[in-house]
Amino acid sequence: MDCIFCSIAEKKIPSTIVYEDDNFLAFKDINPEAPVHILLIPKKHIQGVDKVQKEDAEFLKNIYSVIQDIAEKQGISSSGYRVVTNVGEDGGQTVNHLHFHILGGRNLQWPPG
């Protein structure tokens, strides 16, 4: 398997890590769309939201607590932020590894595009 996010999780590709535990890794997006643009990935390779299996539920159950922790540490929890995960080509998913964009630090417009 040739997955860029797996390579980042394995530290084969350098990144600016802002959070790490046994299950998740968060790092700064190299092409940020906002002053704060963090990508949060599970270290376990899951292709996307549409590929999450029942056995992944326990593994993923704390993802929103991790997101809240990252938002707090990035200074965007009180002003507001957006959490996005894209699914499939039409949904804008460009890397086939489940990931969450955490965006903040400015007024985020709707619709996003």
PDB file of N, CA and C in Angstrom:
ATOM      1  N   MET A   1       0.849  -1.176   0.000  1.00  0.00           N
ATOM      2  CA  MET A   1       0.000   0.000   0.000  1.00  0.00           C
ATOM      3  C   MET A   1       0.896   1.240   0.000  1.00  0.00           C
ATOM      4  N   ASP A   2       0.542   2.200  -0.803  1.00  0.00           N
ATOM      5  CA  ASP A   2       1.320   3.423  -0.933  1.00  0.00           C
ATOM      6  C   ASP A   2       0.443   4.593  -0.519  1.00  0.00           C
ATOM      7  N   CYS A   3       0.408   4.885   0.783  1.00  0.00           N
ATOM      8  CA  CYS A   3      -0.472   5.918   1.331  1.00  0.00           C
ATOM      9  C   CYS A   3       0.381   7.002   1.980  1.00  0.00           C
ATOM     10  N   ILE A   4       0.244   8.223   1.506  1.00  0.00           N
ATOM     11  CA  ILE A   4       1.047   9.326   2.044  1.00  0.00           C
ATOM     12  C   ILE A   4       0.763   9.556   3.530  1.00  0.00           C
ATOM     13  N   PHE A   5      -0.501   9.412   3.954  1.00  0.00           N
ATOM     14  CA  PHE A   5      -0.806   9.639   5.367  1.00  0.00           C
ATOM     15  C   PHE A   5      -0.259   8.520   6.248  1.00  0.00           C
ATOM     16  N   CYS A   6      -0.234   7.292   5.744  1.00  0.00           N
ATOM     17  CA  CYS A   6       0.413   6.208   6.497  1.00  0.00           C
ATOM     18  C   CYS A   6       1.907   6.503   6.638  1.00  0.00           C
ATOM     19  N   SER A   7       2.514   7.007   5.581  1.00  0.00           N
ATOM     20  CA  SER A   7       3.946   7.353   5.635  1.00  0.00           C
ATOM     21  C   SER A   7       4.206   8.475   6.630  1.00  0.00           C
ATOM     22  N   ILE A   8       3.285   9.444   6.708  1.00  0.00           N
ATOM     23  CA  ILE A   8       3.422  10.516   7.700  1.00  0.00           C
ATOM     24  C   ILE A   8       3.268   9.939   9.103  1.00  0.00           C
ATOM     25  N   ALA A   9       2.278   9.061   9.300  1.00  0.00           N
ATOM     26  CA  ALA A   9       2.060   8.447  10.622  1.00  0.00           C
ATOM     27  C   ALA A   9       3.263   7.617  11.057  1.00  0.00           C
ATOM     28  N   GLU A  10       3.930   6.992  10.084  1.00  0.00           N
ATOM     29  CA  GLU A  10       5.125   6.193  10.374  1.00  0.00           C
ATOM     30  C   GLU A  10       6.387   7.044  10.442  1.00  0.00           C
ATOM     31  N   LYS A  11       6.235   8.341  10.249  1.00  0.00           N
ATOM     32  CA  LYS A  11       7.324   9.335  10.297  1.00  0.00           C
ATOM     33  C   LYS A  11       8.368   9.116   9.190  1.00  0.00           C
ATOM     34  N   LYS A  12       7.921   8.531   8.091  1.00  0.00           N
ATOM     35  CA  LYS A  12       8.782   8.391   6.917  1.00  0.00           C
ATOM     36  C   LYS A  12       8.791   9.674   6.099  1.00  0.00           C
ATOM     37  N   ILE A  13       7.741  10.476   6.262  1.00  0.00           N
ATOM     38  CA  ILE A  13       7.631  11.786   5.617  1.00  0.00           C
ATOM     39  C   ILE A  13       7.501  12.805   6.742  1.00  0.00           C
ATOM     40  N   PRO A  14       8.322  13.853   6.729  1.00  0.00           N
ATOM     41  CA  PRO A  14       8.254  14.839   7.813  1.00  0.00           C
ATOM     42  C   PRO A  14       6.955  15.651   7.756  1.00  0.00           C
ATOM     43  N   SER A  15       6.505  16.046   8.940  1.00  0.00           N
ATOM     44  CA  SER A  15       5.338  16.912   9.054  1.00  0.00           C
ATOM     45  C   SER A  15       5.477  17.710  10.343  1.00  0.00           C
ATOM     46  N   THR A  16       4.660  18.751  10.457  1.00  0.00           N
ATOM     47  CA  THR A  16       4.640  19.533  11.681  1.00  0.00           C
ATOM     48  C   THR A  16       3.527  18.982  12.556  1.00  0.00           C
ATOM     49  N   ILE A  17       3.904  18.119  13.481  1.00  0.00           N
ATOM     50  CA  ILE A  17       2.946  17.413  14.327  1.00  0.00           C
ATOM     51  C   ILE A  17       2.480  18.338  15.454  1.00  0.00           C
ATOM     52  N   VAL A  18       1.154  18.386  15.637  1.00  0.00           N
ATOM     53  CA  VAL A  18       0.590  19.191  16.723  1.00  0.00           C
ATOM     54  C   VAL A  18      -0.079  18.325  17.781  1.00  0.00           C
ATOM     55  N   TYR A  19      -0.298  17.052  17.482  1.00  0.00           N
ATOM     56  CA  TYR A  19      -0.912  16.130  18.433  1.00  0.00           C
ATOM     57  C   TYR A  19      -0.562  14.707  18.031  1.00  0.00           C
ATOM     58  N   GLU A  20      -0.301  13.878  19.043  1.00  0.00           N
ATOM     59  CA  GLU A  20      -0.071  12.461  18.771  1.00  0.00           C
ATOM     60  C   GLU A  20      -0.393  11.647  20.016  1.00  0.00           C
ATOM     61  N   ASP A  21      -1.081  10.530  19.791  1.00  0.00           N
ATOM     62  CA  ASP A  21      -1.264   9.534  20.835  1.00  0.00           C
ATOM     63  C   ASP A  21      -1.131   8.164  20.173  1.00  0.00           C
ATOM     64  N   ASP A  22      -1.522   7.115  20.855  1.00  0.00           N
ATOM     65  CA  ASP A  22      -1.361   5.769  20.296  1.00  0.00           C
ATOM     66  C   ASP A  22      -2.203   5.541  19.044  1.00  0.00           C
ATOM     67  N   ASN A  23      -3.327   6.244  18.927  1.00  0.00           N
ATOM     68  CA  ASN A  23      -4.263   5.993  17.831  1.00  0.00           C
ATOM     69  C   ASN A  23      -4.301   7.045  16.744  1.00  0.00           C
ATOM     70  N   PHE A  24      -3.949   8.297  17.096  1.00  0.00           N
ATOM     71  CA  PHE A  24      -4.142   9.405  16.163  1.00  0.00           C
ATOM     72  C   PHE A  24      -2.892  10.265  16.030  1.00  0.00           C
ATOM     73  N   LEU A  25      -2.816  10.936  14.895  1.00  0.00           N
ATOM     74  CA  LEU A  25      -1.748  11.901  14.630  1.00  0.00           C
ATOM     75  C   LEU A  25      -2.400  13.114  13.981  1.00  0.00           C
ATOM     76  N   ALA A  26      -2.022  14.298  14.426  1.00  0.00           N
ATOM     77  CA  ALA A  26      -2.508  15.539  13.824  1.00  0.00           C
ATOM     78  C   ALA A  26      -1.315  16.388  13.434  1.00  0.00           C
ATOM     79  N   PHE A  27      -1.412  16.981  12.252  1.00  0.00           N
ATOM     80  CA  PHE A  27      -0.307  17.773  11.730  1.00  0.00           C
ATOM     81  C   PHE A  27      -0.844  18.928  10.902  1.00  0.00           C
ATOM     82  N   LYS A  28       0.000  19.945  10.714  1.00  0.00           N
ATOM     83  CA  LYS A  28      -0.396  21.113   9.931  1.00  0.00           C
ATOM     84  C   LYS A  28      -0.485  20.743   8.451  1.00  0.00           C
ATOM     85  N   ASP A  29      -1.557  21.219   7.811  1.00  0.00           N
ATOM     86  CA  ASP A  29      -1.733  21.014   6.373  1.00  0.00           C
ATOM     87  C   ASP A  29      -0.670  21.830   5.639  1.00  0.00           C
ATOM     88  N   ILE A  30      -0.057  21.234   4.624  1.00  0.00           N
ATOM     89  CA  ILE A  30       1.000  21.958   3.884  1.00  0.00           C
ATOM     90  C   ILE A  30       0.424  23.003   2.928  1.00  0.00           C
ATOM     91  N   ASN A  31      -0.874  22.936   2.648  1.00  0.00           N
ATOM     92  CA  ASN A  31      -1.558  23.935   1.826  1.00  0.00           C
ATOM     93  C   ASN A  31      -2.767  24.464   2.593  1.00  0.00           C
ATOM     94  N   PRO A  32      -2.526  25.258   3.641  1.00  0.00           N
ATOM     95  CA  PRO A  32      -3.630  25.661   4.514  1.00  0.00           C
ATOM     96  C   PRO A  32      -4.672  26.537   3.822  1.00  0.00           C
ATOM     97  N   GLU A  33      -5.928  26.284   4.183  1.00  0.00           N
ATOM     98  CA  GLU A  33      -7.062  27.060   3.681  1.00  0.00           C
ATOM     99  C   GLU A  33      -7.554  28.066   4.718  1.00  0.00           C
ATOM    100  N   ALA A  34      -6.916  28.096   5.873  1.00  0.00           N
ATOM    101  CA  ALA A  34      -7.259  29.015   6.959  1.00  0.00           C
ATOM    102  C   ALA A  34      -6.005  29.191   7.811  1.00  0.00           C
ATOM    103  N   PRO A  35      -5.986  30.228   8.657  1.00  0.00           N
ATOM    104  CA  PRO A  35      -4.811  30.411   9.521  1.00  0.00           C
ATOM    105  C   PRO A  35      -4.474  29.163  10.345  1.00  0.00           C
ATOM    106  N   VAL A  36      -5.492  28.445  10.791  1.00  0.00           N
ATOM    107  CA  VAL A  36      -5.289  27.151  11.439  1.00  0.00           C
ATOM    108  C   VAL A  36      -5.910  26.110  10.521  1.00  0.00           C
ATOM    109  N   HIS A  37      -5.094  25.176  10.051  1.00  0.00           N
ATOM    110  CA  HIS A  37      -5.586  24.078   9.201  1.00  0.00           C
ATOM    111  C   HIS A  37      -4.788  22.840   9.585  1.00  0.00           C
ATOM    112  N   ILE A  38      -5.436  22.017  10.396  1.00  0.00           N
ATOM    113  CA  ILE A  38      -4.815  20.809  10.931  1.00  0.00           C
ATOM    114  C   ILE A  38      -5.498  19.596  10.300  1.00  0.00           C
ATOM    115  N   LEU A  39      -4.716  18.585   9.982  1.00  0.00           N
ATOM    116  CA  LEU A  39      -5.259  17.307   9.528  1.00  0.00           C
ATOM    117  C   LEU A  39      -5.100  16.299  10.652  1.00  0.00           C
ATOM    118  N   LEU A  40      -6.193  15.659  11.002  1.00  0.00           N
ATOM    119  CA  LEU A  40      -6.194  14.628  12.039  1.00  0.00           C
ATOM    120  C   LEU A  40      -6.474  13.296  11.368  1.00  0.00           C
ATOM    121  N   ILE A  41      -5.561  12.332  11.573  1.00  0.00           N
ATOM    122  CA  ILE A  41      -5.709  11.015  10.950  1.00  0.00           C
ATOM    123  C   ILE A  41      -5.627   9.920  12.004  1.00  0.00           C
ATOM    124  N   PRO A  42      -6.358   8.823  11.774  1.00  0.00           N
ATOM    125  CA  PRO A  42      -6.075   7.645  12.588  1.00  0.00           C
ATOM    126  C   PRO A  42      -4.777   7.031  12.087  1.00  0.00           C
ATOM    127  N   LYS A  43      -3.979   6.495  12.991  1.00  0.00           N
ATOM    128  CA  LYS A  43      -2.751   5.827  12.558  1.00  0.00           C
ATOM    129  C   LYS A  43      -3.067   4.539  11.809  1.00  0.00           C
ATOM    130  N   LYS A  44      -4.179   3.928  12.154  1.00  0.00           N
ATOM    131  CA  LYS A  44      -4.641   2.743  11.426  1.00  0.00           C
ATOM    132  C   LYS A  44      -5.190   3.195  10.075  1.00  0.00           C
ATOM    133  N   HIS A  45      -4.811   2.515   9.019  1.00  0.00           N
ATOM    134  CA  HIS A  45      -5.304   2.886   7.691  1.00  0.00           C
ATOM    135  C   HIS A  45      -6.771   2.480   7.544  1.00  0.00           C
ATOM    136  N   ILE A  46      -7.608   3.481   7.398  1.00  0.00           N
ATOM    137  CA  ILE A  46      -9.021   3.318   7.047  1.00  0.00           C
ATOM    138  C   ILE A  46      -9.219   4.213   5.837  1.00  0.00           C
ATOM    139  N   GLN A  47      -9.749   3.674   4.779  1.00  0.00           N
ATOM    140  CA  GLN A  47      -9.792   4.412   3.513  1.00  0.00           C
ATOM    141  C   GLN A  47     -10.626   5.687   3.587  1.00  0.00           C
ATOM    142  N   GLY A  48     -11.729   5.669   4.310  1.00  0.00           N
ATOM    143  CA  GLY A  48     -12.576   6.853   4.430  1.00  0.00           C
ATOM    144  C   GLY A  48     -13.767   6.564   5.310  1.00  0.00           C
ATOM    145  N   VAL A  49     -14.616   7.563   5.519  1.00  0.00           N
ATOM    146  CA  VAL A  49     -15.804   7.400   6.350  1.00  0.00           C
ATOM    147  C   VAL A  49     -16.658   6.245   5.849  1.00  0.00           C
ATOM    148  N   ASP A  50     -16.740   6.105   4.549  1.00  0.00           N
ATOM    149  CA  ASP A  50     -17.573   5.050   3.964  1.00  0.00           C
ATOM    150  C   ASP A  50     -16.965   3.661   4.111  1.00  0.00           C
ATOM    151  N   LYS A  51     -15.769   3.572   4.624  1.00  0.00           N
ATOM    152  CA  LYS A  51     -15.100   2.280   4.812  1.00  0.00           C
ATOM    153  C   LYS A  51     -14.896   1.926   6.289  1.00  0.00           C
ATOM    154  N   VAL A  52     -15.449   2.728   7.192  1.00  0.00           N
ATOM    155  CA  VAL A  52     -15.342   2.432   8.617  1.00  0.00           C
ATOM    156  C   VAL A  52     -16.140   1.171   8.912  1.00  0.00           C
ATOM    157  N   GLN A  53     -15.508   0.237   9.592  1.00  0.00           N
ATOM    158  CA  GLN A  53     -16.140  -1.033   9.953  1.00  0.00           C
ATOM    159  C   GLN A  53     -16.582  -0.999  11.413  1.00  0.00           C
ATOM    160  N   LYS A  54     -17.450  -1.919  11.777  1.00  0.00           N
ATOM    161  CA  LYS A  54     -17.935  -1.978  13.163  1.00  0.00           C
ATOM    162  C   LYS A  54     -16.778  -2.092  14.152  1.00  0.00           C
ATOM    163  N   GLU A  55     -15.759  -2.865  13.801  1.00  0.00           N
ATOM    164  CA  GLU A  55     -14.625  -3.033  14.718  1.00  0.00           C
ATOM    165  C   GLU A  55     -13.813  -1.742  14.883  1.00  0.00           C
ATOM    166  N   ASP A  56     -14.005  -0.780  13.984  1.00  0.00           N
ATOM    167  CA  ASP A  56     -13.316   0.505  14.086  1.00  0.00           C
ATOM    168  C   ASP A  56     -14.005   1.462  15.060  1.00  0.00           C
ATOM    169  N   ALA A  57     -15.251   1.164  15.428  1.00  0.00           N
ATOM    170  CA  ALA A  57     -16.021   2.075  16.268  1.00  0.00           C
ATOM    171  C   ALA A  57     -15.337   2.334  17.603  1.00  0.00           C
ATOM    172  N   GLU A  58     -14.853   1.304  18.245  1.00  0.00           N
ATOM    173  CA  GLU A  58     -14.171   1.477  19.534  1.00  0.00           C
ATOM    174  C   GLU A  58     -12.896   2.297  19.354  1.00  0.00           C
ATOM    175  N   PHE A  59     -12.196   2.007  18.304  1.00  0.00           N
ATOM    176  CA  PHE A  59     -10.946   2.706  17.977  1.00  0.00           C
ATOM    177  C   PHE A  59     -11.196   4.193  17.743  1.00  0.00           C
ATOM    178  N   LEU A  60     -12.297   4.525  17.071  1.00  0.00           N
ATOM    179  CA  LEU A  60     -12.573   5.906  16.677  1.00  0.00           C
ATOM    180  C   LEU A  60     -13.429   6.680  17.677  1.00  0.00           C
ATOM    181  N   LYS A  61     -13.872   6.059  18.748  1.00  0.00           N
ATOM    182  CA  LYS A  61     -14.860   6.682  19.626  1.00  0.00           C
ATOM    183  C   LYS A  61     -14.391   7.988  20.258  1.00  0.00           C
ATOM    184  N   ASN A  62     -13.108   8.188  20.399  1.00  0.00           N
ATOM    185  CA  ASN A  62     -12.591   9.397  21.054  1.00  0.00           C
ATOM    186  C   ASN A  62     -12.190  10.497  20.080  1.00  0.00           C
ATOM    187  N   ILE A  63     -12.497  10.343  18.806  1.00  0.00           N
ATOM    188  CA  ILE A  63     -12.003  11.293  17.803  1.00  0.00           C
ATOM    189  C   ILE A  63     -12.459  12.725  18.094  1.00  0.00           C
ATOM    190  N   TYR A  64     -13.710  12.901  18.548  1.00  0.00           N
ATOM    191  CA  TYR A  64     -14.183  14.266  18.780  1.00  0.00           C
ATOM    192  C   TYR A  64     -13.580  14.887  20.037  1.00  0.00           C
ATOM    193  N   SER A  65     -13.222  14.078  21.002  1.00  0.00           N
ATOM    194  CA  SER A  65     -12.485  14.595  22.158  1.00  0.00           C
ATOM    195  C   SER A  65     -11.101  15.073  21.726  1.00  0.00           C
ATOM    196  N   VAL A  66     -10.481  14.329  20.831  1.00  0.00           N
ATOM    197  CA  VAL A  66      -9.175  14.730  20.292  1.00  0.00           C
ATOM    198  C   VAL A  66      -9.309  16.034  19.514  1.00  0.00           C
ATOM    199  N   ILE A  67     -10.364  16.146  18.694  1.00  0.00           N
ATOM    200  CA  ILE A  67     -10.593  17.377  17.925  1.00  0.00           C
ATOM    201  C   ILE A  67     -10.752  18.562  18.871  1.00  0.00           C
ATOM    202  N   GLN A  68     -11.535  18.398  19.937  1.00  0.00           N
ATOM    203  CA  GLN A  68     -11.729  19.479  20.905  1.00  0.00           C
ATOM    204  C   GLN A  68     -10.405  19.878  21.557  1.00  0.00           C
ATOM    205  N   ASP A  69      -9.579  18.900  21.888  1.00  0.00           N
ATOM    206  CA  ASP A  69      -8.274  19.161  22.498  1.00  0.00           C
ATOM    207  C   ASP A  69      -7.384  19.950  21.537  1.00  0.00           C
ATOM    208  N   ILE A  70      -7.366  19.546  20.283  1.00  0.00           N
ATOM    209  CA  ILE A  70      -6.555  20.244  19.283  1.00  0.00           C
ATOM    210  C   ILE A  70      -7.049  21.682  19.109  1.00  0.00           C
ATOM    211  N   ALA A  71      -8.367  21.870  19.014  1.00  0.00           N
ATOM    212  CA  ALA A  71      -8.925  23.223  18.854  1.00  0.00           C
ATOM    213  C   ALA A  71      -8.545  24.116  20.029  1.00  0.00           C
ATOM    214  N   GLU A  72      -8.591  23.563  21.219  1.00  0.00           N
ATOM    215  CA  GLU A  72      -8.205  24.317  22.413  1.00  0.00           C
ATOM    216  C   GLU A  72      -6.733  24.721  22.342  1.00  0.00           C
ATOM    217  N   LYS A  73      -5.878  23.769  22.031  1.00  0.00           N
ATOM    218  CA  LYS A  73      -4.430  24.039  21.970  1.00  0.00           C
ATOM    219  C   LYS A  73      -4.063  24.987  20.833  1.00  0.00           C
ATOM    220  N   GLN A  74      -4.871  25.009  19.767  1.00  0.00           N
ATOM    221  CA  GLN A  74      -4.609  25.895  18.636  1.00  0.00           C
ATOM    222  C   GLN A  74      -5.239  27.278  18.829  1.00  0.00           C
ATOM    223  N   GLY A  75      -5.968  27.463  19.923  1.00  0.00           N
ATOM    224  CA  GLY A  75      -6.546  28.765  20.242  1.00  0.00           C
ATOM    225  C   GLY A  75      -7.786  29.127  19.443  1.00  0.00           C
ATOM    226  N   ILE A  76      -8.505  28.125  18.940  1.00  0.00           N
ATOM    227  CA  ILE A  76      -9.689  28.416  18.119  1.00  0.00           C
ATOM    228  C   ILE A  76     -10.986  27.912  18.749  1.00  0.00           C
ATOM    229  N   SER A  77     -10.910  27.328  19.929  1.00  0.00           N
ATOM    230  CA  SER A  77     -12.113  26.721  20.509  1.00  0.00           C
ATOM    231  C   SER A  77     -13.173  27.753  20.871  1.00  0.00           C
ATOM    232  N   SER A  78     -12.789  28.928  21.327  1.00  0.00           N
ATOM    233  CA  SER A  78     -13.789  29.922  21.734  1.00  0.00           C
ATOM    234  C   SER A  78     -14.328  30.725  20.552  1.00  0.00           C
ATOM    235  N   SER A  79     -13.515  30.942  19.534  1.00  0.00           N
ATOM    236  CA  SER A  79     -13.974  31.732  18.379  1.00  0.00           C
ATOM    237  C   SER A  79     -14.742  30.899  17.367  1.00  0.00           C
ATOM    238  N   GLY A  80     -14.528  29.592  17.383  1.00  0.00           N
ATOM    239  CA  GLY A  80     -15.228  28.698  16.460  1.00  0.00           C
ATOM    240  C   GLY A  80     -14.297  28.120  15.414  1.00  0.00           C
ATOM    241  N   TYR A  81     -14.689  26.978  14.905  1.00  0.00           N
ATOM    242  CA  TYR A  81     -13.882  26.273  13.911  1.00  0.00           C
ATOM    243  C   TYR A  81     -14.769  25.316  13.136  1.00  0.00           C
ATOM    244  N   ARG A  82     -14.230  24.765  12.084  1.00  0.00           N
ATOM    245  CA  ARG A  82     -14.960  23.821  11.240  1.00  0.00           C
ATOM    246  C   ARG A  82     -14.201  22.509  11.203  1.00  0.00           C
ATOM    247  N   VAL A  83     -14.959  21.404  11.227  1.00  0.00           N
ATOM    248  CA  VAL A  83     -14.402  20.065  11.092  1.00  0.00           C
ATOM    249  C   VAL A  83     -15.006  19.471   9.834  1.00  0.00           C
ATOM    250  N   VAL A  84     -14.138  19.037   8.917  1.00  0.00           N
ATOM    251  CA  VAL A  84     -14.592  18.517   7.622  1.00  0.00           C
ATOM    252  C   VAL A  84     -13.915  17.188   7.351  1.00  0.00           C
ATOM    253  N   THR A  85     -14.680  16.238   6.868  1.00  0.00           N
ATOM    254  CA  THR A  85     -14.108  15.027   6.297  1.00  0.00           C
ATOM    255  C   THR A  85     -14.780  14.804   4.958  1.00  0.00           C
ATOM    256  N   ASN A  86     -13.988  14.614   3.944  1.00  0.00           N
ATOM    257  CA  ASN A  86     -14.488  14.414   2.590  1.00  0.00           C
ATOM    258  C   ASN A  86     -14.573  12.919   2.296  1.00  0.00           C
ATOM    259  N   VAL A  87     -15.574  12.555   1.495  1.00  0.00           N
ATOM    260  CA  VAL A  87     -15.781  11.149   1.159  1.00  0.00           C
ATOM    261  C   VAL A  87     -15.887  11.013  -0.359  1.00  0.00           C
ATOM    262  N   GLY A  88     -14.973  10.266  -0.934  1.00  0.00           N
ATOM    263  CA  GLY A  88     -15.021   9.980  -2.361  1.00  0.00           C
ATOM    264  C   GLY A  88     -14.622  11.157  -3.238  1.00  0.00           C
ATOM    265  N   GLU A  89     -14.508  10.879  -4.513  1.00  0.00           N
ATOM    266  CA  GLU A  89     -14.041  11.876  -5.481  1.00  0.00           C
ATOM    267  C   GLU A  89     -14.948  13.101  -5.541  1.00  0.00           C
ATOM    268  N   ASP A  90     -16.258  12.893  -5.649  1.00  0.00           N
ATOM    269  CA  ASP A  90     -17.176  14.033  -5.712  1.00  0.00           C
ATOM    270  C   ASP A  90     -17.225  14.812  -4.408  1.00  0.00           C
ATOM    271  N   GLY A  91     -16.904  14.154  -3.311  1.00  0.00           N
ATOM    272  CA  GLY A  91     -16.865  14.823  -2.015  1.00  0.00           C
ATOM    273  C   GLY A  91     -15.565  15.571  -1.770  1.00  0.00           C
ATOM    274  N   GLY A  92     -14.610  15.434  -2.686  1.00  0.00           N
ATOM    275  CA  GLY A  92     -13.347  16.156  -2.565  1.00  0.00           C
ATOM    276  C   GLY A  92     -12.242  15.400  -1.852  1.00  0.00           C
ATOM    277  N   GLN A  93     -12.425  14.095  -1.628  1.00  0.00           N
ATOM    278  CA  GLN A  93     -11.377  13.327  -0.961  1.00  0.00           C
ATOM    279  C   GLN A  93     -10.237  13.074  -1.936  1.00  0.00           C
ATOM    280  N   THR A  94      -9.059  13.589  -1.603  1.00  0.00           N
ATOM    281  CA  THR A  94      -7.898  13.438  -2.483  1.00  0.00           C
ATOM    282  C   THR A  94      -6.885  12.434  -1.961  1.00  0.00           C
ATOM    283  N   VAL A  95      -6.968  12.097  -0.673  1.00  0.00           N
ATOM    284  CA  VAL A  95      -6.117  11.064  -0.092  1.00  0.00           C
ATOM    285  C   VAL A  95      -7.043  10.003   0.495  1.00  0.00           C
ATOM    286  N   ASN A  96      -6.884   8.776   0.050  1.00  0.00           N
ATOM    287  CA  ASN A  96      -7.754   7.690   0.488  1.00  0.00           C
ATOM    288  C   ASN A  96      -7.296   7.109   1.831  1.00  0.00           C
ATOM    289  N   HIS A  97      -7.325   7.974   2.822  1.00  0.00           N
ATOM    290  CA  HIS A  97      -7.054   7.624   4.224  1.00  0.00           C
ATOM    291  C   HIS A  97      -7.957   8.553   5.018  1.00  0.00           C
ATOM    292  N   LEU A  98      -8.777   7.996   5.894  1.00  0.00           N
ATOM    293  CA  LEU A  98      -9.692   8.807   6.687  1.00  0.00           C
ATOM    294  C   LEU A  98      -8.933   9.954   7.342  1.00  0.00           C
ATOM    295  N   HIS A  99      -9.441  11.158   7.144  1.00  0.00           N
ATOM    296  CA  HIS A  99      -8.816  12.312   7.786  1.00  0.00           C
ATOM    297  C   HIS A  99      -9.852  13.404   7.994  1.00  0.00           C
ATOM    298  N   PHE A 100      -9.589  14.192   9.027  1.00  0.00           N
ATOM    299  CA  PHE A 100     -10.465  15.286   9.407  1.00  0.00           C
ATOM    300  C   PHE A 100      -9.683  16.582   9.293  1.00  0.00           C
ATOM    301  N   HIS A 101     -10.251  17.552   8.589  1.00  0.00           N
ATOM    302  CA  HIS A 101      -9.681  18.894   8.516  1.00  0.00           C
ATOM    303  C   HIS A 101     -10.251  19.689   9.686  1.00  0.00           C
ATOM    304  N   ILE A 102      -9.388  20.327  10.450  1.00  0.00           N
ATOM    305  CA  ILE A 102      -9.799  21.225  11.523  1.00  0.00           C
ATOM    306  C   ILE A 102      -9.343  22.613  11.083  1.00  0.00           C
ATOM    307  N   LEU A 103     -10.322  23.471  10.782  1.00  0.00           N
ATOM    308  CA  LEU A 103     -10.031  24.786  10.217  1.00  0.00           C
ATOM    309  C   LEU A 103     -10.545  25.886  11.130  1.00  0.00           C
ATOM    310  N   GLY A 104      -9.758  26.943  11.302  1.00  0.00           N
ATOM    311  CA  GLY A 104     -10.194  28.059  12.124  1.00  0.00           C
ATOM    312  C   GLY A 104      -9.243  29.227  12.016  1.00  0.00           C
ATOM    313  N   GLY A 105      -9.490  30.222  12.840  1.00  0.00           N
ATOM    314  CA  GLY A 105      -8.632  31.399  12.846  1.00  0.00           C
ATOM    315  C   GLY A 105      -9.122  32.515  11.945  1.00  0.00           C
ATOM    316  N   ARG A 106     -10.278  32.318  11.318  1.00  0.00           N
ATOM    317  CA  ARG A 106     -10.907  33.365  10.503  1.00  0.00           C
ATOM    318  C   ARG A 106     -12.385  33.006  10.366  1.00  0.00           C
ATOM    319  N   ASN A 107     -13.159  33.947   9.847  1.00  0.00           N
ATOM    320  CA  ASN A 107     -14.578  33.690   9.587  1.00  0.00           C
ATOM    321  C   ASN A 107     -14.665  32.746   8.390  1.00  0.00           C
ATOM    322  N   LEU A 108     -15.245  31.585   8.596  1.00  0.00           N
ATOM    323  CA  LEU A 108     -15.381  30.588   7.540  1.00  0.00           C
ATOM    324  C   LEU A 108     -16.760  30.730   6.886  1.00  0.00           C
ATOM    325  N   GLN A 109     -16.773  30.970   5.596  1.00  0.00           N
ATOM    326  CA  GLN A 109     -18.004  31.209   4.860  1.00  0.00           C
ATOM    327  C   GLN A 109     -18.735  29.913   4.540  1.00  0.00           C
ATOM    328  N   TRP A 110     -20.018  30.030   4.215  1.00  0.00           N
ATOM    329  CA  TRP A 110     -20.823  28.896   3.782  1.00  0.00           C
ATOM    330  C   TRP A 110     -21.639  29.309   2.587  1.00  0.00           C
ATOM    331  N   PRO A 111     -21.776  28.538   1.546  1.00  0.00           N
ATOM    332  CA  PRO A 111     -21.211  27.199   1.401  1.00  0.00           C
ATOM    333  C   PRO A 111     -19.717  27.257   1.134  1.00  0.00           C
ATOM    334  N   PRO A 112     -19.009  26.155   1.460  1.00  0.00           N
ATOM    335  CA  PRO A 112     -17.558  26.153   1.335  1.00  0.00           C
ATOM    336  C   PRO A 112     -17.050  26.122  -0.095  1.00  0.00           C
ATOM    337  N   GLY A 113     -17.833  25.650  -1.037  1.00  0.00           N
ATOM    338  CA  GLY A 113     -17.347  25.648  -2.421  1.00  0.00           C
ATOM    339  C   GLY A 113     -17.730  24.451  -3.203  1.00  0.00           C
TER     340      GLY A 113
END
